[in-house]
Amino acid sequence: MNQRVHLIAERLWGIIALVALLAALYHISQAGWEDGKSALLFPGIAGAWYLTRRGLRRKLSASDDAS
């Protein structure tokens, strides 16, 4: 069950990062690079959370396999 929760959280953050990136790209296309580049902060944070969750899930999976 614990593995499933981590996998769901990982996928959720991946989806959030993708949606935030698409929204940021849309904002940049509408406002221009100079005004819209700050919108890339949110996909960056969501992407970092995705990678954190992925690393945590892999680490827990490896420790479960070693047990």
C-alpha atoms as a PDB file:
ATOM      1  CA  MET A   1       0.000   0.000   0.000  1.00  0.00           C
ATOM      2  CA  ASN A   2       2.810   2.384   0.875  1.00  0.00           C
ATOM      3  CA  GLN A   3       4.424   1.885  -2.556  1.00  0.00           C
ATOM      4  CA  ARG A   4       1.113   2.673  -4.241  1.00  0.00           C
ATOM      5  CA  VAL A   5       0.735   5.964  -2.358  1.00  0.00           C
ATOM      6  CA  HIS A   6       4.241   7.049  -3.358  1.00  0.00           C
ATOM      7  CA  LEU A   7       3.577   6.119  -6.991  1.00  0.00           C
ATOM      8  CA  ILE A   8       0.319   8.096  -7.004  1.00  0.00           C
ATOM      9  CA  ALA A   9       2.043  11.134  -5.454  1.00  0.00           C
ATOM     10  CA  GLU A  10       4.869  10.896  -7.986  1.00  0.00           C
ATOM     11  CA  ARG A  11       2.464  10.762 -10.925  1.00  0.00           C
ATOM     12  CA  LEU A  12       0.364  13.580  -9.489  1.00  0.00           C
ATOM     13  CA  TRP A  13       3.393  15.868  -9.279  1.00  0.00           C
ATOM     14  CA  GLY A  14       4.367  14.899 -12.819  1.00  0.00           C
ATOM     15  CA  ILE A  15       0.930  15.893 -14.083  1.00  0.00           C
ATOM     16  CA  ILE A  16       0.995  19.134 -12.087  1.00  0.00           C
ATOM     17  CA  ALA A  17       4.428  19.968 -13.530  1.00  0.00           C
ATOM     18  CA  LEU A  18       3.246  19.286 -17.065  1.00  0.00           C
ATOM     19  CA  VAL A  19       0.088  21.375 -16.697  1.00  0.00           C
ATOM     20  CA  ALA A  20       2.070  24.215 -15.096  1.00  0.00           C
ATOM     21  CA  LEU A  21       4.590  24.090 -17.949  1.00  0.00           C
ATOM     22  CA  LEU A  22       1.847  24.256 -20.568  1.00  0.00           C
ATOM     23  CA  ALA A  23       0.205  27.180 -18.751  1.00  0.00           C
ATOM     24  CA  ALA A  24       3.565  28.955 -18.495  1.00  0.00           C
ATOM     25  CA  LEU A  25       4.268  28.452 -22.190  1.00  0.00           C
ATOM     26  CA  TYR A  26       0.823  29.807 -23.039  1.00  0.00           C
ATOM     27  CA  HIS A  27       1.431  32.819 -20.791  1.00  0.00           C
ATOM     28  CA  ILE A  28       4.823  33.432 -22.422  1.00  0.00           C
ATOM     29  CA  SER A  29       3.277  33.219 -25.890  1.00  0.00           C
ATOM     30  CA  GLN A  30       0.634  35.791 -24.909  1.00  0.00           C
ATOM     31  CA  ALA A  31       2.746  38.195 -22.831  1.00  0.00           C
ATOM     32  CA  GLY A  32       6.156  37.779 -24.460  1.00  0.00           C
ATOM     33  CA  TRP A  33       9.378  36.445 -22.983  1.00  0.00           C
ATOM     34  CA  GLU A  34      10.276  39.460 -20.844  1.00  0.00           C
ATOM     35  CA  ASP A  35       6.924  39.604 -19.065  1.00  0.00           C
ATOM     36  CA  GLY A  36       6.229  35.870 -19.030  1.00  0.00           C
ATOM     37  CA  LYS A  37       9.538  34.253 -18.067  1.00  0.00           C
ATOM     38  CA  SER A  38       8.726  34.435 -14.348  1.00  0.00           C
ATOM     39  CA  ALA A  39       5.854  31.995 -15.015  1.00  0.00           C
ATOM     40  CA  LEU A  40       8.480  29.242 -15.419  1.00  0.00           C
ATOM     41  CA  LEU A  41       9.070  29.324 -11.661  1.00  0.00           C
ATOM     42  CA  PHE A  42       5.964  27.230 -10.929  1.00  0.00           C
ATOM     43  CA  PRO A  43       6.771  24.384 -13.350  1.00  0.00           C
ATOM     44  CA  GLY A  44      10.303  24.384 -11.958  1.00  0.00           C
ATOM     45  CA  ILE A  45       9.060  23.925  -8.409  1.00  0.00           C
ATOM     46  CA  ALA A  46       6.556  21.238  -9.447  1.00  0.00           C
ATOM     47  CA  GLY A  47       9.262  19.460 -11.457  1.00  0.00           C
ATOM     48  CA  ALA A  48      11.571  19.504  -8.457  1.00  0.00           C
ATOM     49  CA  TRP A  49       8.822  17.943  -6.337  1.00  0.00           C
ATOM     50  CA  TYR A  50       8.282  15.299  -9.004  1.00  0.00           C
ATOM     51  CA  LEU A  51      11.964  14.384  -9.002  1.00  0.00           C
ATOM     52  CA  THR A  52      12.010  14.356  -5.194  1.00  0.00           C
ATOM     53  CA  ARG A  53       9.018  12.009  -5.048  1.00  0.00           C
ATOM     54  CA  ARG A  54      10.556   9.798  -7.728  1.00  0.00           C
ATOM     55  CA  GLY A  55      13.826   9.520  -5.847  1.00  0.00           C
ATOM     56  CA  LEU A  56      12.017   8.784  -2.592  1.00  0.00           C
ATOM     57  CA  ARG A  57       9.907   6.065  -4.211  1.00  0.00           C
ATOM     58  CA  ARG A  58      12.958   4.443  -5.795  1.00  0.00           C
ATOM     59  CA  LYS A  59      14.884   4.562  -2.534  1.00  0.00           C
ATOM     60  CA  LEU A  60      11.999   2.997  -0.615  1.00  0.00           C
ATOM     61  CA  SER A  61      11.540   0.378  -3.304  1.00  0.00           C
ATOM     62  CA  ALA A  62      15.223  -0.537  -3.146  1.00  0.00           C
ATOM     63  CA  SER A  63      15.126  -0.796   0.669  1.00  0.00           C
ATOM     64  CA  ASP A  64      12.018  -3.007   0.484  1.00  0.00           C
ATOM     65  CA  ASP A  65      13.741  -5.285  -2.039  1.00  0.00           C
ATOM     66  CA  ALA A  66      16.823  -5.536   0.185  1.00  0.00           C
ATOM     67  CA  SER A  67      14.744  -6.602   3.181  1.00  0.00           C
END
